Amino acid sequence: MSSFLLLSLLDGCNARQDAPSSLDTFGQKSSGTVTEFSAGQFVPGNFTLVNQSGKPESLFDGQAKVTVVSFLYTHCTDTCPFLAIKLQQLYQLLGPQNRLVRIVLVSTDPVRDTPAVLSAYTHELGMDGRWSFLTGSLAQIQPVWKAFKIVVAQSSAADEAETDKNAEALGLTMPVKTGPKPSDGLDPQALQLADQISKKFGGGYEVTHSTPFWIMGPDHSLRATLEADVTAQELKNEVEKILKAST
């Protein structure tokens, strides 16, 4: 892919915050950042990968009433730390309801995201035993991305530099993002933690990927997608809707 094309297609994790467009015809927008689905409309299936402890683990364990799924990678210095912190906050907000909810993160960079790295990342966020961060070989994890309609693309620092150079030569400027941001709803302490995570784990090549939160019901079907700019409270509200409907 040429660097000029990268200008329009790749811009860190932020490039694809929205839910996959192919799902939009099934969902009904309830707000600018939430798309809700009826039970059974979209069922991505179950997959077994490897968790942060190096043990095989399935996306769905059969016990949770609700499963919250997100896709990110540990070396990200852009959106991913904000996603991880919002899931951490969701866990805290749910309180006793946590026994009914499972939080699953799936790597978009399985080459670098080894179980040891995922374990360190999980520990940094104080989420040991509170979420499952899954990885695997590229052959194992690509079918998961495909099933969840997650787009993943890799670019190096050299690619980014050449993109900027080509854009400058053509008199173009990189677009300035306006409107909602993945950092929205995070207090200064959370933003400081995100910066700390980025500095400790970030670096190397960038991985551009879709960044919705997926909320799955007890039948493992998609019930809602939420964009990266939602707050943890909005995540909790959607989770509670599904919990209430499943009781």
C-alpha atoms as a PDB file:
ATOM      1  CA  MET A   1       0.000   0.000   0.000  1.00  0.00           C
ATOM      2  CA  SER A   2       1.417   3.415  -0.891  1.00  0.00           C
ATOM      3  CA  SER A   3       2.152   5.974   1.775  1.00  0.00           C
ATOM      4  CA  PHE A   4      -0.284   8.358   0.123  1.00  0.00           C
ATOM      5  CA  LEU A   5      -3.083   5.843   0.571  1.00  0.00           C
ATOM      6  CA  LEU A   6      -2.023   5.411   4.164  1.00  0.00           C
ATOM      7  CA  LEU A   7      -2.806   9.092   4.658  1.00  0.00           C
ATOM      8  CA  SER A   8      -6.494   8.404   4.281  1.00  0.00           C
ATOM      9  CA  LEU A   9      -6.644   4.871   5.682  1.00  0.00           C
ATOM     10  CA  LEU A  10      -4.344   4.746   8.674  1.00  0.00           C
ATOM     11  CA  ASP A  11      -4.168   7.039  11.651  1.00  0.00           C
ATOM     12  CA  GLY A  12      -3.566   4.944  14.737  1.00  0.00           C
ATOM     13  CA  CYS A  13      -6.410   3.206  16.527  1.00  0.00           C
ATOM     14  CA  ASN A  14      -8.639   6.250  16.036  1.00  0.00           C
ATOM     15  CA  ALA A  15      -9.092   5.546  12.339  1.00  0.00           C
ATOM     16  CA  ARG A  16     -11.947   3.122  12.895  1.00  0.00           C
ATOM     17  CA  GLN A  17     -13.795   3.890  16.110  1.00  0.00           C
ATOM     18  CA  ASP A  18     -17.222   3.146  14.738  1.00  0.00           C
ATOM     19  CA  ALA A  19     -19.048  -0.155  14.695  1.00  0.00           C
ATOM     20  CA  PRO A  20     -18.561  -2.096  11.452  1.00  0.00           C
ATOM     21  CA  SER A  21     -20.755  -0.575   8.742  1.00  0.00           C
ATOM     22  CA  SER A  22     -21.920  -4.010   7.607  1.00  0.00           C
ATOM     23  CA  LEU A  23     -23.712  -4.356  10.935  1.00  0.00           C
ATOM     24  CA  ASP A  24     -25.511  -1.016  10.727  1.00  0.00           C
ATOM     25  CA  THR A  25     -28.408  -2.433   8.724  1.00  0.00           C
ATOM     26  CA  PHE A  26     -29.179  -4.840  11.581  1.00  0.00           C
ATOM     27  CA  GLY A  27     -28.854  -2.366  14.427  1.00  0.00           C
ATOM     28  CA  GLN A  28     -30.976   0.517  15.574  1.00  0.00           C
ATOM     29  CA  LYS A  29     -29.198   3.629  16.795  1.00  0.00           C
ATOM     30  CA  SER A  30     -30.185   4.622  20.324  1.00  0.00           C
ATOM     31  CA  SER A  31     -27.654   7.481  20.451  1.00  0.00           C
ATOM     32  CA  GLY A  32     -24.713   8.815  18.494  1.00  0.00           C
ATOM     33  CA  THR A  33     -22.360   6.279  20.032  1.00  0.00           C
ATOM     34  CA  VAL A  34     -24.550   3.234  20.705  1.00  0.00           C
ATOM     35  CA  THR A  35     -26.082   0.749  18.273  1.00  0.00           C
ATOM     36  CA  GLU A  36     -28.433  -1.848  19.744  1.00  0.00           C
ATOM     37  CA  PHE A  37     -29.361  -5.250  18.296  1.00  0.00           C
ATOM     38  CA  SER A  38     -32.074  -7.801  18.928  1.00  0.00           C
ATOM     39  CA  ALA A  39     -31.052 -11.146  20.395  1.00  0.00           C
ATOM     40  CA  GLY A  40     -29.890 -13.628  17.790  1.00  0.00           C
ATOM     41  CA  GLN A  41     -29.394 -11.116  14.958  1.00  0.00           C
ATOM     42  CA  PHE A  42     -25.608 -11.407  14.874  1.00  0.00           C
ATOM     43  CA  VAL A  43     -23.745 -14.334  16.454  1.00  0.00           C
ATOM     44  CA  PRO A  44     -19.972 -14.287  15.790  1.00  0.00           C
ATOM     45  CA  GLY A  45     -19.371 -17.718  17.322  1.00  0.00           C
ATOM     46  CA  ASN A  46     -17.024 -18.928  20.027  1.00  0.00           C
ATOM     47  CA  PHE A  47     -13.250 -19.232  19.790  1.00  0.00           C
ATOM     48  CA  THR A  48     -10.513 -20.564  22.045  1.00  0.00           C
ATOM     49  CA  LEU A  49      -7.323 -18.513  22.389  1.00  0.00           C
ATOM     50  CA  VAL A  50      -4.682 -18.131  25.126  1.00  0.00           C
ATOM     51  CA  ASN A  51      -5.131 -15.836  28.122  1.00  0.00           C
ATOM     52  CA  GLN A  52      -2.615 -13.708  30.017  1.00  0.00           C
ATOM     53  CA  SER A  53      -1.711 -16.723  32.157  1.00  0.00           C
ATOM     54  CA  GLY A  54      -0.789 -18.767  29.083  1.00  0.00           C
ATOM     55  CA  LYS A  55      -3.823 -21.041  29.438  1.00  0.00           C
ATOM     56  CA  PRO A  56      -6.415 -21.855  26.754  1.00  0.00           C
ATOM     57  CA  GLU A  57      -9.601 -19.874  27.247  1.00  0.00           C
ATOM     58  CA  SER A  58     -12.759 -19.377  25.211  1.00  0.00           C
ATOM     59  CA  LEU A  59     -14.365 -16.046  24.437  1.00  0.00           C
ATOM     60  CA  PHE A  60     -17.557 -17.242  26.094  1.00  0.00           C
ATOM     61  CA  ASP A  61     -17.425 -19.368  29.225  1.00  0.00           C
ATOM     62  CA  GLY A  62     -21.090 -20.314  29.466  1.00  0.00           C
ATOM     63  CA  GLN A  63     -21.533 -18.738  32.897  1.00  0.00           C
ATOM     64  CA  ALA A  64     -21.741 -14.988  32.258  1.00  0.00           C
ATOM     65  CA  LYS A  65     -25.055 -13.311  31.492  1.00  0.00           C
ATOM     66  CA  VAL A  66     -23.191 -10.569  29.605  1.00  0.00           C
ATOM     67  CA  THR A  67     -19.790 -10.571  27.897  1.00  0.00           C
ATOM     68  CA  VAL A  68     -18.103  -7.271  27.047  1.00  0.00           C
ATOM     69  CA  VAL A  69     -15.504  -7.641  24.282  1.00  0.00           C
ATOM     70  CA  SER A  70     -12.946  -5.124  23.064  1.00  0.00           C
ATOM     71  CA  PHE A  71     -10.003  -5.343  20.668  1.00  0.00           C
ATOM     72  CA  LEU A  72      -6.723  -3.591  21.438  1.00  0.00           C
ATOM     73  CA  TYR A  73      -2.970  -4.068  21.760  1.00  0.00           C
ATOM     74  CA  THR A  74      -0.503  -3.286  24.527  1.00  0.00           C
ATOM     75  CA  HIS A  75       2.040  -1.272  22.495  1.00  0.00           C
ATOM     76  CA  CYS A  76      -0.618   1.249  21.464  1.00  0.00           C
ATOM     77  CA  THR A  77       0.050   4.877  22.430  1.00  0.00           C
ATOM     78  CA  ASP A  78      -3.237   6.211  21.088  1.00  0.00           C
ATOM     79  CA  THR A  79      -6.727   4.932  21.860  1.00  0.00           C
ATOM     80  CA  CYS A  80      -6.128   1.533  23.475  1.00  0.00           C
ATOM     81  CA  PRO A  81      -5.092   2.763  26.951  1.00  0.00           C
ATOM     82  CA  PHE A  82      -8.348   4.733  27.123  1.00  0.00           C
ATOM     83  CA  LEU A  83     -10.356   1.644  26.140  1.00  0.00           C
ATOM     84  CA  ALA A  84      -8.606  -0.450  28.780  1.00  0.00           C
ATOM     85  CA  ILE A  85      -9.200   2.158  31.487  1.00  0.00           C
ATOM     86  CA  LYS A  86     -12.890   2.420  30.603  1.00  0.00           C
ATOM     87  CA  LEU A  87     -13.198  -1.352  30.995  1.00  0.00           C
ATOM     88  CA  GLN A  88     -11.397  -1.102  34.320  1.00  0.00           C
ATOM     89  CA  GLN A  89     -13.894   1.581  35.372  1.00  0.00           C
ATOM     90  CA  LEU A  90     -16.791  -0.533  34.136  1.00  0.00           C
ATOM     91  CA  TYR A  91     -15.661  -3.338  36.415  1.00  0.00           C
ATOM     92  CA  GLN A  92     -15.572  -0.947  39.367  1.00  0.00           C
ATOM     93  CA  LEU A  93     -18.979   0.547  38.557  1.00  0.00           C
ATOM     94  CA  LEU A  94     -20.690  -2.839  38.268  1.00  0.00           C
ATOM     95  CA  GLY A  95     -19.865  -3.812  41.835  1.00  0.00           C
ATOM     96  CA  PRO A  96     -21.620  -7.073  42.856  1.00  0.00           C
ATOM     97  CA  GLN A  97     -23.019  -7.453  39.328  1.00  0.00           C
ATOM     98  CA  ASN A  98     -19.507  -8.403  38.190  1.00  0.00           C
ATOM     99  CA  ARG A  99     -20.297 -12.049  38.909  1.00  0.00           C
ATOM    100  CA  LEU A 100     -22.748 -11.892  35.983  1.00  0.00           C
ATOM    101  CA  VAL A 101     -20.469 -10.020  33.575  1.00  0.00           C
ATOM    102  CA  ARG A 102     -17.308 -11.113  31.801  1.00  0.00           C
ATOM    103  CA  ILE A 103     -14.814  -8.642  30.302  1.00  0.00           C
ATOM    104  CA  VAL A 104     -12.709  -9.979  27.428  1.00  0.00           C
ATOM    105  CA  LEU A 105      -9.934  -8.183  25.563  1.00  0.00           C
ATOM    106  CA  VAL A 106      -8.629  -9.634  22.297  1.00  0.00           C
ATOM    107  CA  SER A 107      -5.225  -8.617  20.956  1.00  0.00           C
ATOM    108  CA  THR A 108      -4.865  -6.967  17.556  1.00  0.00           C
ATOM    109  CA  ASP A 109      -1.089  -7.506  17.718  1.00  0.00           C
ATOM    110  CA  PRO A 110      -0.509 -11.179  18.619  1.00  0.00           C
ATOM    111  CA  VAL A 111       3.166 -11.110  17.580  1.00  0.00           C
ATOM    112  CA  ARG A 112       4.130  -8.749  20.410  1.00  0.00           C
ATOM    113  CA  ASP A 113       1.238  -9.477  22.759  1.00  0.00           C
ATOM    114  CA  THR A 114       2.581 -12.619  24.397  1.00  0.00           C
ATOM    115  CA  PRO A 115       0.900 -13.931  27.563  1.00  0.00           C
ATOM    116  CA  ALA A 116       3.735 -12.430  29.634  1.00  0.00           C
ATOM    117  CA  VAL A 117       3.172  -8.975  28.128  1.00  0.00           C
ATOM    118  CA  LEU A 118      -0.601  -9.254  28.574  1.00  0.00           C
ATOM    119  CA  SER A 119      -0.074 -10.293  32.191  1.00  0.00           C
ATOM    120  CA  ALA A 120       2.118  -7.259  32.888  1.00  0.00           C
ATOM    121  CA  TYR A 121      -0.395  -4.942  31.191  1.00  0.00           C
ATOM    122  CA  THR A 122      -3.257  -6.466  33.166  1.00  0.00           C
ATOM    123  CA  HIS A 123      -1.335  -6.079  36.426  1.00  0.00           C
ATOM    124  CA  GLU A 124      -0.530  -2.435  35.646  1.00  0.00           C
ATOM    125  CA  LEU A 125      -4.265  -1.751  35.473  1.00  0.00           C
ATOM    126  CA  GLY A 126      -5.051  -3.717  38.624  1.00  0.00           C
ATOM    127  CA  MET A 127      -7.212  -6.162  36.666  1.00  0.00           C
ATOM    128  CA  ASP A 128      -5.591  -9.456  37.675  1.00  0.00           C
ATOM    129  CA  GLY A 129      -8.371 -12.043  37.826  1.00  0.00           C
ATOM    130  CA  ARG A 130     -10.906  -9.442  36.701  1.00  0.00           C
ATOM    131  CA  TRP A 131     -10.706  -9.685  32.928  1.00  0.00           C
ATOM    132  CA  SER A 132      -9.387 -12.060  30.289  1.00  0.00           C
ATOM    133  CA  PHE A 133      -6.847 -10.697  27.791  1.00  0.00           C
ATOM    134  CA  LEU A 134      -6.584 -13.175  24.925  1.00  0.00           C
ATOM    135  CA  THR A 135      -3.917 -13.725  22.293  1.00  0.00           C
ATOM    136  CA  GLY A 136      -2.683 -16.536  20.052  1.00  0.00           C
ATOM    137  CA  SER A 137      -0.950 -17.143  16.770  1.00  0.00           C
ATOM    138  CA  LEU A 138      -1.945 -14.997  13.804  1.00  0.00           C
ATOM    139  CA  ALA A 139      -3.638 -18.041  12.277  1.00  0.00           C
ATOM    140  CA  GLN A 140      -5.678 -18.510  15.455  1.00  0.00           C
ATOM    141  CA  ILE A 141      -6.654 -14.894  15.981  1.00  0.00           C
ATOM    142  CA  GLN A 142      -7.458 -13.738  12.438  1.00  0.00           C
ATOM    143  CA  PRO A 143     -10.716 -15.762  12.331  1.00  0.00           C
ATOM    144  CA  VAL A 144     -11.793 -13.944  15.506  1.00  0.00           C
ATOM    145  CA  TRP A 145     -11.166 -10.545  13.913  1.00  0.00           C
ATOM    146  CA  LYS A 146     -13.098 -11.664  10.843  1.00  0.00           C
ATOM    147  CA  ALA A 147     -16.028 -13.004  12.855  1.00  0.00           C
ATOM    148  CA  PHE A 148     -16.315  -9.745  14.796  1.00  0.00           C
ATOM    149  CA  LYS A 149     -15.722  -7.676  11.632  1.00  0.00           C
ATOM    150  CA  ILE A 150     -12.612  -6.061  13.103  1.00  0.00           C
ATOM    151  CA  VAL A 151     -10.314  -4.443  10.545  1.00  0.00           C
ATOM    152  CA  VAL A 152      -6.602  -4.639  11.440  1.00  0.00           C
ATOM    153  CA  ALA A 153      -3.715  -3.009   9.542  1.00  0.00           C
ATOM    154  CA  GLN A 154      -0.081  -2.438  10.486  1.00  0.00           C
ATOM    155  CA  SER A 155       2.126   0.563   9.704  1.00  0.00           C
ATOM    156  CA  SER A 156       5.705   1.367  10.686  1.00  0.00           C
ATOM    157  CA  ALA A 157       7.226   4.636  11.832  1.00  0.00           C
ATOM    158  CA  ALA A 158       8.883   4.858   8.406  1.00  0.00           C
ATOM    159  CA  ASP A 159       5.468   4.550   6.741  1.00  0.00           C
ATOM    160  CA  GLU A 160       4.113   7.367   8.886  1.00  0.00           C
ATOM    161  CA  ALA A 161       7.112   9.588   8.131  1.00  0.00           C
ATOM    162  CA  GLU A 162       6.799   8.994   4.382  1.00  0.00           C
ATOM    163  CA  THR A 163       3.070   9.693   4.553  1.00  0.00           C
ATOM    164  CA  ASP A 164       3.714  13.056   6.215  1.00  0.00           C
ATOM    165  CA  LYS A 165       6.427  13.872   3.671  1.00  0.00           C
ATOM    166  CA  ASN A 166       4.198  13.041   0.701  1.00  0.00           C
ATOM    167  CA  ALA A 167       1.306  14.997   2.164  1.00  0.00           C
ATOM    168  CA  GLU A 168       3.520  18.038   2.716  1.00  0.00           C
ATOM    169  CA  ALA A 169       4.831  17.837  -0.862  1.00  0.00           C
ATOM    170  CA  LEU A 170       1.243  17.919  -2.120  1.00  0.00           C
ATOM    171  CA  GLY A 171       0.333  20.825   0.125  1.00  0.00           C
ATOM    172  CA  LEU A 172      -1.901  18.618   2.273  1.00  0.00           C
ATOM    173  CA  THR A 173      -2.203  18.525   6.032  1.00  0.00           C
ATOM    174  CA  MET A 174      -3.229  15.616   8.206  1.00  0.00           C
ATOM    175  CA  PRO A 175      -6.860  16.019   9.285  1.00  0.00           C
ATOM    176  CA  VAL A 176      -7.478  17.538  12.688  1.00  0.00           C
ATOM    177  CA  LYS A 177      -9.910  15.460  14.709  1.00  0.00           C
ATOM    178  CA  THR A 178     -12.867  17.281  16.180  1.00  0.00           C
ATOM    179  CA  GLY A 179     -15.862  16.113  18.142  1.00  0.00           C
ATOM    180  CA  PRO A 180     -15.963  13.136  20.557  1.00  0.00           C
ATOM    181  CA  LYS A 181     -12.654  11.529  21.526  1.00  0.00           C
ATOM    182  CA  PRO A 182     -11.775   8.192  23.189  1.00  0.00           C
ATOM    183  CA  SER A 183     -10.424  10.154  26.163  1.00  0.00           C
ATOM    184  CA  ASP A 184     -13.836  11.743  26.787  1.00  0.00           C
ATOM    185  CA  GLY A 185     -15.254  11.058  30.224  1.00  0.00           C
ATOM    186  CA  LEU A 186     -11.897  10.282  31.849  1.00  0.00           C
ATOM    187  CA  ASP A 187     -10.768  12.328  34.828  1.00  0.00           C
ATOM    188  CA  PRO A 188      -7.189  13.661  35.233  1.00  0.00           C
ATOM    189  CA  GLN A 189      -6.150  10.630  37.278  1.00  0.00           C
ATOM    190  CA  ALA A 190      -7.339   8.250  34.548  1.00  0.00           C
ATOM    191  CA  LEU A 191      -5.618  10.316  31.867  1.00  0.00           C
ATOM    192  CA  GLN A 192      -2.414  10.181  33.889  1.00  0.00           C
ATOM    193  CA  LEU A 193      -2.719   6.391  34.085  1.00  0.00           C
ATOM    194  CA  ALA A 194      -3.234   6.222  30.312  1.00  0.00           C
ATOM    195  CA  ASP A 195      -0.068   8.253  29.803  1.00  0.00           C
ATOM    196  CA  GLN A 196       1.800   5.985  32.216  1.00  0.00           C
ATOM    197  CA  ILE A 197       0.659   2.875  30.335  1.00  0.00           C
ATOM    198  CA  SER A 198       1.607   4.380  26.973  1.00  0.00           C
ATOM    199  CA  LYS A 199       5.098   5.225  28.168  1.00  0.00           C
ATOM    200  CA  LYS A 200       5.661   1.841  29.788  1.00  0.00           C
ATOM    201  CA  PHE A 201       4.293  -0.422  27.045  1.00  0.00           C
ATOM    202  CA  GLY A 202       4.073   1.733  23.911  1.00  0.00           C
ATOM    203  CA  GLY A 203       6.374   2.012  20.933  1.00  0.00           C
ATOM    204  CA  GLY A 204       7.328   0.326  17.700  1.00  0.00           C
ATOM    205  CA  TYR A 205       4.995  -0.107  14.766  1.00  0.00           C
ATOM    206  CA  GLU A 206       1.387   1.056  14.929  1.00  0.00           C
ATOM    207  CA  VAL A 207      -1.626  -1.199  14.453  1.00  0.00           C
ATOM    208  CA  THR A 208      -4.769   0.448  13.123  1.00  0.00           C
ATOM    209  CA  HIS A 209      -7.943  -1.389  14.056  1.00  0.00           C
ATOM    210  CA  SER A 210     -11.656  -1.015  14.675  1.00  0.00           C
ATOM    211  CA  THR A 211     -12.323   0.048  18.234  1.00  0.00           C
ATOM    212  CA  PRO A 212     -15.941  -0.571  19.226  1.00  0.00           C
ATOM    213  CA  PHE A 213     -16.959  -2.140  22.496  1.00  0.00           C
ATOM    214  CA  TRP A 214     -19.073  -5.226  21.862  1.00  0.00           C
ATOM    215  CA  ILE A 215     -21.700  -6.287  24.394  1.00  0.00           C
ATOM    216  CA  MET A 216     -22.891  -9.857  24.010  1.00  0.00           C
ATOM    217  CA  GLY A 217     -25.929 -11.464  25.606  1.00  0.00           C
ATOM    218  CA  PRO A 218     -26.219 -14.853  27.357  1.00  0.00           C
ATOM    219  CA  ASP A 219     -26.850 -16.536  23.979  1.00  0.00           C
ATOM    220  CA  HIS A 220     -23.506 -15.108  22.737  1.00  0.00           C
ATOM    221  CA  SER A 221     -25.268 -12.876  20.229  1.00  0.00           C
ATOM    222  CA  LEU A 222     -24.400  -9.218  19.789  1.00  0.00           C
ATOM    223  CA  ARG A 223     -26.709  -6.918  21.746  1.00  0.00           C
ATOM    224  CA  ALA A 224     -24.927  -3.574  21.408  1.00  0.00           C
ATOM    225  CA  THR A 225     -21.840  -1.898  19.996  1.00  0.00           C
ATOM    226  CA  LEU A 226     -20.503   1.278  21.557  1.00  0.00           C
ATOM    227  CA  GLU A 227     -17.909   3.585  20.062  1.00  0.00           C
ATOM    228  CA  ALA A 228     -14.621   4.385  21.755  1.00  0.00           C
ATOM    229  CA  ASP A 229     -15.760   7.800  23.005  1.00  0.00           C
ATOM    230  CA  VAL A 230     -18.430   6.405  25.353  1.00  0.00           C
ATOM    231  CA  THR A 231     -18.001   6.666  29.105  1.00  0.00           C
ATOM    232  CA  ALA A 232     -17.764   3.748  31.499  1.00  0.00           C
ATOM    233  CA  GLN A 233     -21.185   4.763  32.832  1.00  0.00           C
ATOM    234  CA  GLU A 234     -22.680   4.421  29.342  1.00  0.00           C
ATOM    235  CA  LEU A 235     -21.115   0.974  29.083  1.00  0.00           C
ATOM    236  CA  LYS A 236     -22.639   0.074  32.441  1.00  0.00           C
ATOM    237  CA  ASN A 237     -26.067   1.317  31.333  1.00  0.00           C
ATOM    238  CA  GLU A 238     -26.030  -0.969  28.288  1.00  0.00           C
ATOM    239  CA  VAL A 239     -24.783  -3.932  30.323  1.00  0.00           C
ATOM    240  CA  GLU A 240     -27.579  -3.438  32.850  1.00  0.00           C
ATOM    241  CA  LYS A 241     -30.200  -3.304  30.085  1.00  0.00           C
ATOM    242  CA  ILE A 242     -29.105  -6.740  28.904  1.00  0.00           C
ATOM    243  CA  LEU A 243     -28.874  -8.110  32.437  1.00  0.00           C
ATOM    244  CA  LYS A 244     -32.413  -6.934  33.127  1.00  0.00           C
ATOM    245  CA  ALA A 245     -33.707  -8.452  29.881  1.00  0.00           C
ATOM    246  CA  SER A 246     -32.076 -11.806  30.642  1.00  0.00           C
ATOM    247  CA  THR A 247     -33.549 -12.251  34.131  1.00  0.00           C
END
